[in-house]
Amino acid sequence: MAFVDEATFYVKAGDGGNGCVSFRRERFVPKGGPDGGHGGKGGDVYLVVDSSKNSLLDFRYRSHFKAQRGQHGSGRDRHGRKGKDTVIPVPPGSVISDVESGELLGDLTVAGQRLLVARGGAGGFGNTRFATSTNRAPRKATPGKPGQERRLRIELKLLADIGLIGLPNGGKSTLLSRLSAANPKVAPYPFTTLVPQLGVLNLPHTDPCIIADIPGLIEGAHEGVGLGHKFLRHIERTAILVQVIDCSSGREQVIDDYGVIDRELACYDDNLVSRQRLILLNKIDIASRESVARLVEHFQHLGKRVLAVSAKTGLNIDHLKEVLAEMIEDAGAETE
């Protein structure tokens, strides 16, 4: 299934119904007296968070949404019915803005959260509204007001507890498949993951958490180089970043790889650098013990939290789960 994380769409709220000019038949009352009903209000357009959705794919097939107009008023003081609202489901993490003004309208993160994006027009008044002691038979009614219409932009920022980041071919997809039931494409060449992948990590003493595999970043990603620049936004809300590094490529290359991602995070958003991060040295099954030990010592000397694993063979994966559970608990305590 295609992953879509940006879209624009048009919304139009319902117009208000027109008021009615009508007179009832009644003896000794001029023209029977006014009995024209008011028009009904037009329907509104709402966005509602649907937790079962994780992509904006629906907006690729439908980009126009209109609410029902209000019914017109009629005689015998019958007011028009309100137009039916239109409700558009969106995934958690949707950020809504107005295309023309650029105004941020809402940041939808919680299941069931609603956002009014287009207000229906008010209904017109029937001639009963204009009756006075000096004008007992008004022949005046007003039309309904037009409903609000606007063009909106929706941007998805995935809500995940843990984000897997790193250069292409570092083993992030294999790691995701080890930690969850996700089944991402795995191949021995770079850029096998072209869109973010989500998985659920079940932990023994805490609630399940969401892991996002962010497609491989490369140097210059924050400036639009490669694929990663399209998906950097998806790590803005992750509590924990796990930087996966291929440690079989040699000490100098590993240190350089770490620096590339560190700089990209800093250039994109300074806050990401201070986020809880775990340096995960992957592919220890094909690296020498001595080189892995020196790398662990190097990152510990820098004050970094570091762990060495093999996503392919499963070596140290259970220990990784324990470490992630501790980090999630720490992250939860910080937000309280």
C-alpha atoms as a PDB file:
ATOM      1  CA  MET A   1       0.000   0.000   0.000  1.00  0.00           C
ATOM      2  CA  ALA A   2       1.297   3.452  -0.893  1.00  0.00           C
ATOM      3  CA  PHE A   3       2.315   5.787   1.920  1.00  0.00           C
ATOM      4  CA  VAL A   4       1.137   9.378   1.520  1.00  0.00           C
ATOM      5  CA  ASP A   5       2.103  11.962   4.145  1.00  0.00           C
ATOM      6  CA  GLU A   6       1.194  15.243   2.425  1.00  0.00           C
ATOM      7  CA  ALA A   7      -1.951  16.354   0.601  1.00  0.00           C
ATOM      8  CA  THR A   8      -4.098  19.354  -0.220  1.00  0.00           C
ATOM      9  CA  PHE A   9      -7.866  19.247  -0.382  1.00  0.00           C
ATOM     10  CA  TYR A  10     -10.895  21.515  -0.783  1.00  0.00           C
ATOM     11  CA  VAL A  11     -13.731  21.823   1.721  1.00  0.00           C
ATOM     12  CA  LYS A  12     -17.045  23.609   1.306  1.00  0.00           C
ATOM     13  CA  ALA A  13     -19.554  23.963   4.135  1.00  0.00           C
ATOM     14  CA  GLY A  14     -23.241  23.949   3.317  1.00  0.00           C
ATOM     15  CA  ASP A  15     -25.050  27.153   2.396  1.00  0.00           C
ATOM     16  CA  GLY A  16     -27.858  28.309   4.647  1.00  0.00           C
ATOM     17  CA  GLY A  17     -31.423  27.769   3.464  1.00  0.00           C
ATOM     18  CA  ASN A  18     -33.517  30.749   2.358  1.00  0.00           C
ATOM     19  CA  GLY A  19     -36.233  32.268   4.507  1.00  0.00           C
ATOM     20  CA  CYS A  20     -39.827  32.089   3.231  1.00  0.00           C
ATOM     21  CA  VAL A  21     -42.489  34.721   2.571  1.00  0.00           C
ATOM     22  CA  SER A  22     -45.865  33.202   3.408  1.00  0.00           C
ATOM     23  CA  PHE A  23     -49.198  34.237   4.970  1.00  0.00           C
ATOM     24  CA  ARG A  24     -51.754  32.158   6.768  1.00  0.00           C
ATOM     25  CA  ARG A  25     -55.472  32.577   6.162  1.00  0.00           C
ATOM     26  CA  GLU A  26     -57.163  34.007   9.214  1.00  0.00           C
ATOM     27  CA  ARG A  27     -60.182  36.302   9.529  1.00  0.00           C
ATOM     28  CA  PHE A  28     -59.599  39.878  10.638  1.00  0.00           C
ATOM     29  CA  VAL A  29     -55.827  39.500  10.273  1.00  0.00           C
ATOM     30  CA  PRO A  30     -54.222  41.492   7.420  1.00  0.00           C
ATOM     31  CA  LYS A  31     -53.333  39.019   4.670  1.00  0.00           C
ATOM     32  CA  GLY A  32     -53.810  36.258   7.223  1.00  0.00           C
ATOM     33  CA  GLY A  33     -50.635  37.120   9.134  1.00  0.00           C
ATOM     34  CA  PRO A  34     -47.061  36.094   8.266  1.00  0.00           C
ATOM     35  CA  ASP A  35     -46.086  32.442   8.735  1.00  0.00           C
ATOM     36  CA  GLY A  36     -42.928  32.089   6.622  1.00  0.00           C
ATOM     37  CA  GLY A  37     -40.322  29.865   8.284  1.00  0.00           C
ATOM     38  CA  HIS A  38     -36.597  30.456   8.558  1.00  0.00           C
ATOM     39  CA  GLY A  39     -34.020  28.622   6.481  1.00  0.00           C
ATOM     40  CA  GLY A  40     -31.883  25.929   8.073  1.00  0.00           C
ATOM     41  CA  LYS A  41     -28.171  26.350   8.817  1.00  0.00           C
ATOM     42  CA  GLY A  42     -25.745  24.744   6.383  1.00  0.00           C
ATOM     43  CA  GLY A  43     -23.761  21.707   7.485  1.00  0.00           C
ATOM     44  CA  ASP A  44     -20.242  22.075   8.884  1.00  0.00           C
ATOM     45  CA  VAL A  45     -17.097  20.238   7.788  1.00  0.00           C
ATOM     46  CA  TYR A  46     -15.075  18.507  10.507  1.00  0.00           C
ATOM     47  CA  LEU A  47     -11.839  16.544  10.601  1.00  0.00           C
ATOM     48  CA  VAL A  48     -11.867  13.675  13.104  1.00  0.00           C
ATOM     49  CA  VAL A  49      -8.893  11.568  14.195  1.00  0.00           C
ATOM     50  CA  ASP A  50      -9.266   7.896  13.283  1.00  0.00           C
ATOM     51  CA  SER A  51      -6.610   5.766  15.015  1.00  0.00           C
ATOM     52  CA  SER A  52      -7.012   2.982  12.432  1.00  0.00           C
ATOM     53  CA  LYS A  53      -5.434   5.205   9.754  1.00  0.00           C
ATOM     54  CA  ASN A  54      -1.702   5.806   9.356  1.00  0.00           C
ATOM     55  CA  SER A  55      -1.512   7.392   5.907  1.00  0.00           C
ATOM     56  CA  LEU A  56      -3.183  10.120   3.849  1.00  0.00           C
ATOM     57  CA  LEU A  57      -3.781   7.744   0.956  1.00  0.00           C
ATOM     58  CA  ASP A  58      -7.537   8.481   0.939  1.00  0.00           C
ATOM     59  CA  PHE A  59      -6.842  12.069  -0.119  1.00  0.00           C
ATOM     60  CA  ARG A  60      -5.194  10.802  -3.298  1.00  0.00           C
ATOM     61  CA  TYR A  61      -8.563   9.502  -4.493  1.00  0.00           C
ATOM     62  CA  ARG A  62     -10.810  12.216  -3.084  1.00  0.00           C
ATOM     63  CA  SER A  63      -9.852  15.858  -2.663  1.00  0.00           C
ATOM     64  CA  HIS A  64     -13.216  17.672  -2.567  1.00  0.00           C
ATOM     65  CA  PHE A  65     -15.540  17.525   0.438  1.00  0.00           C
ATOM     66  CA  LYS A  66     -18.853  19.347   0.708  1.00  0.00           C
ATOM     67  CA  ALA A  67     -21.424  19.502   3.477  1.00  0.00           C
ATOM     68  CA  GLN A  68     -25.165  19.564   2.840  1.00  0.00           C
ATOM     69  CA  ARG A  69     -26.936  22.886   2.478  1.00  0.00           C
ATOM     70  CA  GLY A  70     -29.727  23.869   4.852  1.00  0.00           C
ATOM     71  CA  GLN A  71     -33.304  23.421   3.712  1.00  0.00           C
ATOM     72  CA  HIS A  72     -35.405  26.454   2.813  1.00  0.00           C
ATOM     73  CA  GLY A  73     -38.116  27.660   5.151  1.00  0.00           C
ATOM     74  CA  SER A  74     -41.743  27.178   4.158  1.00  0.00           C
ATOM     75  CA  GLY A  75     -45.227  28.285   5.133  1.00  0.00           C
ATOM     76  CA  ARG A  76     -47.038  27.444   8.375  1.00  0.00           C
ATOM     77  CA  ASP A  77     -43.946  28.490  10.336  1.00  0.00           C
ATOM     78  CA  ARG A  78     -41.976  25.477   9.146  1.00  0.00           C
ATOM     79  CA  HIS A  79     -38.272  26.124   9.494  1.00  0.00           C
ATOM     80  CA  GLY A  80     -35.790  24.440   7.200  1.00  0.00           C
ATOM     81  CA  ARG A  81     -33.801  21.497   8.475  1.00  0.00           C
ATOM     82  CA  LYS A  82     -30.098  21.964   9.240  1.00  0.00           C
ATOM     83  CA  GLY A  83     -27.763  20.577   6.598  1.00  0.00           C
ATOM     84  CA  LYS A  84     -25.911  17.372   7.393  1.00  0.00           C
ATOM     85  CA  ASP A  85     -22.310  17.791   8.565  1.00  0.00           C
ATOM     86  CA  THR A  86     -19.448  16.190   6.664  1.00  0.00           C
ATOM     87  CA  VAL A  87     -16.881  14.334   8.771  1.00  0.00           C
ATOM     88  CA  ILE A  88     -13.482  13.530   7.268  1.00  0.00           C
ATOM     89  CA  PRO A  89     -11.372  10.874   9.061  1.00  0.00           C
ATOM     90  CA  VAL A  90      -7.646  11.626   9.361  1.00  0.00           C
ATOM     91  CA  PRO A  91      -4.787   9.697  11.020  1.00  0.00           C
ATOM     92  CA  PRO A  92      -3.260  10.718  14.355  1.00  0.00           C
ATOM     93  CA  GLY A  93      -0.446  13.204  13.877  1.00  0.00           C
ATOM     94  CA  SER A  94      -2.205  15.255  11.179  1.00  0.00           C
ATOM     95  CA  VAL A  95      -1.246  18.931  11.015  1.00  0.00           C
ATOM     96  CA  ILE A  96      -3.805  21.138   9.245  1.00  0.00           C
ATOM     97  CA  SER A  97      -3.153  24.555   7.716  1.00  0.00           C
ATOM     98  CA  ASP A  98      -4.857  26.942   5.307  1.00  0.00           C
ATOM     99  CA  VAL A  99      -3.200  26.940   1.891  1.00  0.00           C
ATOM    100  CA  GLU A 100      -3.818  30.623   1.115  1.00  0.00           C
ATOM    101  CA  SER A 101      -3.000  32.213   4.472  1.00  0.00           C
ATOM    102  CA  GLY A 102      -0.619  29.586   5.818  1.00  0.00           C
ATOM    103  CA  GLU A 103      -2.470  29.741   9.145  1.00  0.00           C
ATOM    104  CA  LEU A 104      -2.091  26.653  11.333  1.00  0.00           C
ATOM    105  CA  LEU A 105      -5.600  25.428  12.092  1.00  0.00           C
ATOM    106  CA  GLY A 106      -4.930  22.394  14.221  1.00  0.00           C
ATOM    107  CA  ASP A 107      -2.601  19.602  15.283  1.00  0.00           C
ATOM    108  CA  LEU A 108      -4.633  16.413  15.656  1.00  0.00           C
ATOM    109  CA  THR A 109      -3.031  13.754  17.828  1.00  0.00           C
ATOM    110  CA  VAL A 110      -5.704  12.058  19.956  1.00  0.00           C
ATOM    111  CA  ALA A 111      -8.236   9.503  18.705  1.00  0.00           C
ATOM    112  CA  GLY A 112     -11.673  11.092  18.380  1.00  0.00           C
ATOM    113  CA  GLN A 113     -10.316  14.659  18.380  1.00  0.00           C
ATOM    114  CA  ARG A 114     -12.429  16.939  16.149  1.00  0.00           C
ATOM    115  CA  LEU A 115     -11.516  20.095  14.268  1.00  0.00           C
ATOM    116  CA  LEU A 116     -14.033  22.412  12.615  1.00  0.00           C
ATOM    117  CA  VAL A 117     -12.468  23.505   9.312  1.00  0.00           C
ATOM    118  CA  ALA A 118     -15.469  25.022   7.482  1.00  0.00           C
ATOM    119  CA  ARG A 119     -18.535  26.535   9.145  1.00  0.00           C
ATOM    120  CA  GLY A 120     -21.942  26.242   7.544  1.00  0.00           C
ATOM    121  CA  GLY A 121     -23.824  29.379   6.468  1.00  0.00           C
ATOM    122  CA  ALA A 122     -26.600  30.773   8.645  1.00  0.00           C
ATOM    123  CA  GLY A 123     -30.153  30.247   7.456  1.00  0.00           C
ATOM    124  CA  GLY A 124     -32.180  33.198   6.152  1.00  0.00           C
ATOM    125  CA  PHE A 125     -35.097  34.696   8.080  1.00  0.00           C
ATOM    126  CA  GLY A 126     -38.695  34.129   7.075  1.00  0.00           C
ATOM    127  CA  ASN A 127     -41.147  37.024   7.011  1.00  0.00           C
ATOM    128  CA  THR A 128     -42.332  36.275  10.569  1.00  0.00           C
ATOM    129  CA  ARG A 129     -39.022  37.768  11.707  1.00  0.00           C
ATOM    130  CA  PHE A 130     -39.923  41.181  10.300  1.00  0.00           C
ATOM    131  CA  ALA A 131     -43.484  41.585  11.638  1.00  0.00           C
ATOM    132  CA  THR A 132     -43.970  44.721  13.759  1.00  0.00           C
ATOM    133  CA  SER A 133     -46.891  46.648  15.166  1.00  0.00           C
ATOM    134  CA  THR A 134     -46.798  48.956  12.155  1.00  0.00           C
ATOM    135  CA  ASN A 135     -45.938  46.333   9.554  1.00  0.00           C
ATOM    136  CA  ARG A 136     -48.083  43.337  10.344  1.00  0.00           C
ATOM    137  CA  ALA A 137     -47.837  41.818   6.884  1.00  0.00           C
ATOM    138  CA  PRO A 138     -44.168  42.034   5.835  1.00  0.00           C
ATOM    139  CA  ARG A 139     -43.267  40.706   2.427  1.00  0.00           C
ATOM    140  CA  LYS A 140     -39.616  40.400   3.286  1.00  0.00           C
ATOM    141  CA  ALA A 141     -37.386  37.373   3.768  1.00  0.00           C
ATOM    142  CA  THR A 142     -33.618  36.975   3.596  1.00  0.00           C
ATOM    143  CA  PRO A 143     -31.523  34.438   1.717  1.00  0.00           C
ATOM    144  CA  GLY A 144     -29.254  32.017   3.514  1.00  0.00           C
ATOM    145  CA  LYS A 145     -25.579  32.874   3.974  1.00  0.00           C
ATOM    146  CA  PRO A 146     -22.982  30.970   1.937  1.00  0.00           C
ATOM    147  CA  GLY A 147     -20.998  28.297   3.716  1.00  0.00           C
ATOM    148  CA  GLN A 148     -17.293  28.750   4.310  1.00  0.00           C
ATOM    149  CA  GLU A 149     -14.975  27.276   1.695  1.00  0.00           C
ATOM    150  CA  ARG A 150     -11.222  26.933   1.782  1.00  0.00           C
ATOM    151  CA  ARG A 151      -8.317  24.912   0.498  1.00  0.00           C
ATOM    152  CA  LEU A 152      -6.413  23.041   3.174  1.00  0.00           C
ATOM    153  CA  ARG A 153      -3.055  21.370   3.493  1.00  0.00           C
ATOM    154  CA  ILE A 154      -2.664  18.277   5.626  1.00  0.00           C
ATOM    155  CA  GLU A 155       0.734  17.005   6.701  1.00  0.00           C
ATOM    156  CA  LEU A 156       1.275  13.780   8.600  1.00  0.00           C
ATOM    157  CA  LYS A 157       3.838  13.494  11.375  1.00  0.00           C
ATOM    158  CA  LEU A 158       3.868   9.921  12.620  1.00  0.00           C
ATOM    159  CA  LEU A 159       3.307   9.387  16.318  1.00  0.00           C
ATOM    160  CA  ALA A 160       5.844   6.824  17.481  1.00  0.00           C
ATOM    161  CA  ASP A 161       7.588   6.112  20.759  1.00  0.00           C
ATOM    162  CA  ILE A 162      10.820   4.988  19.107  1.00  0.00           C
ATOM    163  CA  GLY A 163      12.336   6.132  15.834  1.00  0.00           C
ATOM    164  CA  LEU A 164      14.971   4.066  14.026  1.00  0.00           C
ATOM    165  CA  ILE A 165      17.346   6.363  12.166  1.00  0.00           C
ATOM    166  CA  GLY A 166      20.609   5.928  10.321  1.00  0.00           C
ATOM    167  CA  LEU A 167      22.313   5.770   6.966  1.00  0.00           C
ATOM    168  CA  PRO A 168      20.982   3.422   4.281  1.00  0.00           C
ATOM    169  CA  ASN A 169      21.730  -0.285   4.639  1.00  0.00           C
ATOM    170  CA  GLY A 170      22.483  -0.039   8.348  1.00  0.00           C
ATOM    171  CA  GLY A 171      20.002  -2.812   9.167  1.00  0.00           C
ATOM    172  CA  LYS A 172      17.029  -0.787  10.409  1.00  0.00           C
ATOM    173  CA  SER A 173      14.440  -2.848   8.549  1.00  0.00           C
ATOM    174  CA  THR A 174      15.890  -6.122   9.822  1.00  0.00           C
ATOM    175  CA  LEU A 175      15.900  -4.687  13.329  1.00  0.00           C
ATOM    176  CA  LEU A 176      12.246  -3.621  13.009  1.00  0.00           C
ATOM    177  CA  SER A 177      11.301  -7.143  11.965  1.00  0.00           C
ATOM    178  CA  ARG A 178      13.150  -8.491  15.044  1.00  0.00           C
ATOM    179  CA  LEU A 179      11.475  -6.127  17.475  1.00  0.00           C
ATOM    180  CA  SER A 180       7.940  -6.361  16.097  1.00  0.00           C
ATOM    181  CA  ALA A 181       5.673  -8.327  13.794  1.00  0.00           C
ATOM    182  CA  ALA A 182       6.299  -5.879  10.946  1.00  0.00           C
ATOM    183  CA  ASN A 183       7.585  -7.388   7.722  1.00  0.00           C
ATOM    184  CA  PRO A 184       9.471  -4.639   5.863  1.00  0.00           C
ATOM    185  CA  LYS A 185      11.429  -5.304   2.709  1.00  0.00           C
ATOM    186  CA  VAL A 186      14.991  -6.392   3.480  1.00  0.00           C
ATOM    187  CA  ALA A 187      17.724  -6.606   0.829  1.00  0.00           C
ATOM    188  CA  PRO A 188      21.541  -6.273   0.727  1.00  0.00           C
ATOM    189  CA  TYR A 189      21.527  -2.878  -0.995  1.00  0.00           C
ATOM    190  CA  PRO A 190      20.730   0.718   0.084  1.00  0.00           C
ATOM    191  CA  PHE A 191      17.323   2.397  -0.028  1.00  0.00           C
ATOM    192  CA  THR A 192      15.222  -0.776   0.211  1.00  0.00           C
ATOM    193  CA  THR A 193      12.909   1.174   2.534  1.00  0.00           C
ATOM    194  CA  LEU A 194      11.260   3.974   0.579  1.00  0.00           C
ATOM    195  CA  VAL A 195       8.553   4.932   3.078  1.00  0.00           C
ATOM    196  CA  PRO A 196       8.331   4.899   6.900  1.00  0.00           C
ATOM    197  CA  GLN A 197       7.403   1.531   8.368  1.00  0.00           C
ATOM    198  CA  LEU A 198       5.604   1.055  11.680  1.00  0.00           C
ATOM    199  CA  GLY A 199       5.750  -1.830  14.116  1.00  0.00           C
ATOM    200  CA  VAL A 200       4.499  -2.586  17.633  1.00  0.00           C
ATOM    201  CA  LEU A 201       7.025  -3.620  20.282  1.00  0.00           C
ATOM    202  CA  ASN A 202       5.482  -5.669  23.082  1.00  0.00           C
ATOM    203  CA  LEU A 203       7.318  -5.259  26.378  1.00  0.00           C
ATOM    204  CA  PRO A 204       6.829  -7.404  29.511  1.00  0.00           C
ATOM    205  CA  HIS A 205       6.253  -4.710  32.168  1.00  0.00           C
ATOM    206  CA  THR A 206       4.887  -1.760  30.212  1.00  0.00           C
ATOM    207  CA  ASP A 207       2.374  -0.933  27.506  1.00  0.00           C
ATOM    208  CA  PRO A 208       3.195  -1.803  23.882  1.00  0.00           C
ATOM    209  CA  CYS A 209       5.007   0.968  22.042  1.00  0.00           C
ATOM    210  CA  ILE A 210       5.170   2.058  18.412  1.00  0.00           C
ATOM    211  CA  ILE A 211       8.447   1.860  16.475  1.00  0.00           C
ATOM    212  CA  ALA A 212       8.962   3.797  13.240  1.00  0.00           C
ATOM    213  CA  ASP A 213      11.644   2.833  10.733  1.00  0.00           C
ATOM    214  CA  ILE A 214      12.542   6.109   9.017  1.00  0.00           C
ATOM    215  CA  PRO A 215      13.960   5.668   5.483  1.00  0.00           C
ATOM    216  CA  GLY A 216      17.707   6.083   5.208  1.00  0.00           C
ATOM    217  CA  LEU A 217      19.071   9.557   5.757  1.00  0.00           C
ATOM    218  CA  ILE A 218      22.172  10.735   3.953  1.00  0.00           C
ATOM    219  CA  GLU A 219      24.380  13.780   4.251  1.00  0.00           C
ATOM    220  CA  GLY A 220      22.484  16.892   3.181  1.00  0.00           C
ATOM    221  CA  ALA A 221      19.061  15.369   3.894  1.00  0.00           C
ATOM    222  CA  HIS A 222      17.884  18.524   5.698  1.00  0.00           C
ATOM    223  CA  GLU A 223      18.510  20.454   2.463  1.00  0.00           C
ATOM    224  CA  GLY A 224      16.512  18.033   0.328  1.00  0.00           C
ATOM    225  CA  VAL A 225      19.202  15.519  -0.627  1.00  0.00           C
ATOM    226  CA  GLY A 226      18.133  11.883  -0.997  1.00  0.00           C
ATOM    227  CA  LEU A 227      14.968  10.363   0.439  1.00  0.00           C
ATOM    228  CA  GLY A 228      15.365  11.163   4.111  1.00  0.00           C
ATOM    229  CA  HIS A 229      14.426  14.849   3.864  1.00  0.00           C
ATOM    230  CA  LYS A 230      10.829  13.832   3.106  1.00  0.00           C
ATOM    231  CA  PHE A 231      10.588  11.922   6.364  1.00  0.00           C
ATOM    232  CA  LEU A 232      12.608  13.916   8.903  1.00  0.00           C
ATOM    233  CA  ARG A 233       9.322  15.374  10.149  1.00  0.00           C
ATOM    234  CA  HIS A 234       8.302  11.927  11.343  1.00  0.00           C
ATOM    235  CA  ILE A 235      10.938  11.873  14.088  1.00  0.00           C
ATOM    236  CA  GLU A 236       9.903  15.231  15.559  1.00  0.00           C
ATOM    237  CA  ARG A 237       7.485  13.506  17.939  1.00  0.00           C
ATOM    238  CA  THR A 238       9.419  10.373  18.827  1.00  0.00           C
ATOM    239  CA  ALA A 239      10.490  10.224  22.461  1.00  0.00           C
ATOM    240  CA  ILE A 240      13.502   8.015  21.735  1.00  0.00           C
ATOM    241  CA  LEU A 241      15.860   7.893  18.745  1.00  0.00           C
ATOM    242  CA  VAL A 242      17.765   4.705  18.018  1.00  0.00           C
ATOM    243  CA  GLN A 243      20.642   5.405  15.660  1.00  0.00           C
ATOM    244  CA  VAL A 244      21.493   2.178  13.877  1.00  0.00           C
ATOM    245  CA  ILE A 245      25.084   2.010  12.580  1.00  0.00           C
ATOM    246  CA  ASP A 246      26.760  -0.746  10.594  1.00  0.00           C
ATOM    247  CA  CYS A 247      29.783  -1.436  12.787  1.00  0.00           C
ATOM    248  CA  SER A 248      31.357  -3.882  10.312  1.00  0.00           C
ATOM    249  CA  SER A 249      32.630  -1.045   8.124  1.00  0.00           C
ATOM    250  CA  GLY A 250      35.562  -0.084  10.328  1.00  0.00           C
ATOM    251  CA  ARG A 251      36.119   2.291  13.243  1.00  0.00           C
ATOM    252  CA  GLU A 252      36.686   5.483  11.261  1.00  0.00           C
ATOM    253  CA  GLN A 253      33.675   4.866   9.035  1.00  0.00           C
ATOM    254  CA  VAL A 254      31.433   4.181  12.027  1.00  0.00           C
ATOM    255  CA  ILE A 255      32.496   7.408  13.731  1.00  0.00           C
ATOM    256  CA  ASP A 256      31.953   9.314  10.488  1.00  0.00           C
ATOM    257  CA  ASP A 257      28.515   7.719  10.004  1.00  0.00           C
ATOM    258  CA  TYR A 258      27.529   8.787  13.505  1.00  0.00           C
ATOM    259  CA  GLY A 259      28.649  12.343  12.789  1.00  0.00           C
ATOM    260  CA  VAL A 260      26.656  12.574   9.550  1.00  0.00           C
ATOM    261  CA  ILE A 261      23.345  11.762  11.258  1.00  0.00           C
ATOM    262  CA  ASP A 262      24.177  13.917  14.266  1.00  0.00           C
ATOM    263  CA  ARG A 263      24.738  16.939  12.015  1.00  0.00           C
ATOM    264  CA  GLU A 264      21.583  16.283  10.014  1.00  0.00           C
ATOM    265  CA  LEU A 265      19.478  16.172  13.164  1.00  0.00           C
ATOM    266  CA  ALA A 266      21.018  19.415  14.423  1.00  0.00           C
ATOM    267  CA  CYS A 267      20.472  21.201  11.104  1.00  0.00           C
ATOM    268  CA  TYR A 268      16.846  20.081  10.901  1.00  0.00           C
ATOM    269  CA  ASP A 269      15.847  20.759  14.512  1.00  0.00           C
ATOM    270  CA  ASP A 270      18.121  21.580  17.450  1.00  0.00           C
ATOM    271  CA  ASN A 271      15.730  19.821  19.825  1.00  0.00           C
ATOM    272  CA  LEU A 272      16.424  16.463  18.190  1.00  0.00           C
ATOM    273  CA  VAL A 273      20.053  16.498  19.323  1.00  0.00           C
ATOM    274  CA  SER A 274      19.012  16.571  22.985  1.00  0.00           C
ATOM    275  CA  ARG A 275      16.389  13.843  22.515  1.00  0.00           C
ATOM    276  CA  GLN A 276      17.006  10.511  24.259  1.00  0.00           C
ATOM    277  CA  ARG A 277      19.219   8.558  21.869  1.00  0.00           C
ATOM    278  CA  LEU A 278      20.676   5.087  21.802  1.00  0.00           C
ATOM    279  CA  ILE A 279      23.660   4.348  19.585  1.00  0.00           C
ATOM    280  CA  LEU A 280      23.067   0.841  18.268  1.00  0.00           C
ATOM    281  CA  LEU A 281      26.084  -0.859  16.716  1.00  0.00           C
ATOM    282  CA  ASN A 282      24.565  -3.440  14.372  1.00  0.00           C
ATOM    283  CA  LYS A 283      26.034  -6.389  12.448  1.00  0.00           C
ATOM    284  CA  ILE A 284      28.399  -7.498  15.196  1.00  0.00           C
ATOM    285  CA  ASP A 285      28.107 -11.005  13.729  1.00  0.00           C
ATOM    286  CA  ILE A 286      30.456  -9.922  10.917  1.00  0.00           C
ATOM    287  CA  ALA A 287      32.672  -7.528  12.903  1.00  0.00           C
ATOM    288  CA  SER A 288      35.597  -8.423  15.126  1.00  0.00           C
ATOM    289  CA  ARG A 289      35.088  -8.404  18.876  1.00  0.00           C
ATOM    290  CA  GLU A 290      38.044  -6.099  19.344  1.00  0.00           C
ATOM    291  CA  SER A 291      36.718  -3.439  16.969  1.00  0.00           C
ATOM    292  CA  VAL A 292      33.252  -3.595  18.517  1.00  0.00           C
ATOM    293  CA  ALA A 293      34.708  -3.233  22.015  1.00  0.00           C
ATOM    294  CA  ARG A 294      36.752  -0.202  20.954  1.00  0.00           C
ATOM    295  CA  LEU A 295      33.691   1.426  19.389  1.00  0.00           C
ATOM    296  CA  VAL A 296      31.586   0.833  22.491  1.00  0.00           C
ATOM    297  CA  GLU A 297      34.338   2.382  24.590  1.00  0.00           C
ATOM    298  CA  HIS A 298      34.584   5.352  22.205  1.00  0.00           C
ATOM    299  CA  PHE A 299      30.869   6.238  22.426  1.00  0.00           C
ATOM    300  CA  GLN A 300      30.768   5.659  26.179  1.00  0.00           C
ATOM    301  CA  HIS A 301      33.669   8.090  26.506  1.00  0.00           C
ATOM    302  CA  LEU A 302      31.516  10.646  24.651  1.00  0.00           C
ATOM    303  CA  GLY A 303      28.758  10.102  27.212  1.00  0.00           C
ATOM    304  CA  LYS A 304      26.512   8.258  24.784  1.00  0.00           C
ATOM    305  CA  ARG A 305      24.314   5.295  25.556  1.00  0.00           C
ATOM    306  CA  VAL A 306      25.542   2.486  23.312  1.00  0.00           C
ATOM    307  CA  LEU A 307      24.661  -1.129  22.669  1.00  0.00           C
ATOM    308  CA  ALA A 308      25.997  -3.712  20.208  1.00  0.00           C
ATOM    309  CA  VAL A 309      23.628  -6.209  18.552  1.00  0.00           C
ATOM    310  CA  SER A 310      23.089  -8.370  15.515  1.00  0.00           C
ATOM    311  CA  ALA A 311      19.638  -7.845  14.085  1.00  0.00           C
ATOM    312  CA  LYS A 312      20.238 -10.666  11.619  1.00  0.00           C
ATOM    313  CA  THR A 313      21.081 -13.371  14.194  1.00  0.00           C
ATOM    314  CA  GLY A 314      19.137 -11.906  17.127  1.00  0.00           C
ATOM    315  CA  LEU A 315      22.237 -11.569  19.314  1.00  0.00           C
ATOM    316  CA  ASN A 316      21.589  -9.151  22.234  1.00  0.00           C
ATOM    317  CA  ILE A 317      18.078  -8.302  20.957  1.00  0.00           C
ATOM    318  CA  ASP A 318      16.506  -9.309  24.279  1.00  0.00           C
ATOM    319  CA  HIS A 319      18.893  -6.992  26.088  1.00  0.00           C
ATOM    320  CA  LEU A 320      17.971  -4.245  23.609  1.00  0.00           C
ATOM    321  CA  LYS A 321      14.300  -4.655  24.518  1.00  0.00           C
ATOM    322  CA  GLU A 322      15.151  -4.243  28.205  1.00  0.00           C
ATOM    323  CA  VAL A 323      17.126  -1.073  27.473  1.00  0.00           C
ATOM    324  CA  LEU A 324      14.302   0.362  25.363  1.00  0.00           C
ATOM    325  CA  ALA A 325      11.796  -0.386  28.131  1.00  0.00           C
ATOM    326  CA  GLU A 326      13.979   1.562  30.590  1.00  0.00           C
ATOM    327  CA  MET A 327      14.302   4.486  28.174  1.00  0.00           C
ATOM    328  CA  ILE A 328      10.560   4.592  27.568  1.00  0.00           C
ATOM    329  CA  GLU A 329       9.953   4.595  31.318  1.00  0.00           C
ATOM    330  CA  ASP A 330      12.446   7.459  31.716  1.00  0.00           C
ATOM    331  CA  ALA A 331      10.808   9.393  28.867  1.00  0.00           C
ATOM    332  CA  GLY A 332       7.404   8.971  30.494  1.00  0.00           C
ATOM    333  CA  ALA A 333       8.733  10.233  33.815  1.00  0.00           C
ATOM    334  CA  GLU A 334      10.179  13.345  32.137  1.00  0.00           C
ATOM    335  CA  THR A 335       6.801  14.291  30.659  1.00  0.00           C
ATOM    336  CA  GLU A 336       4.917  13.947  33.963  1.00  0.00           C
END
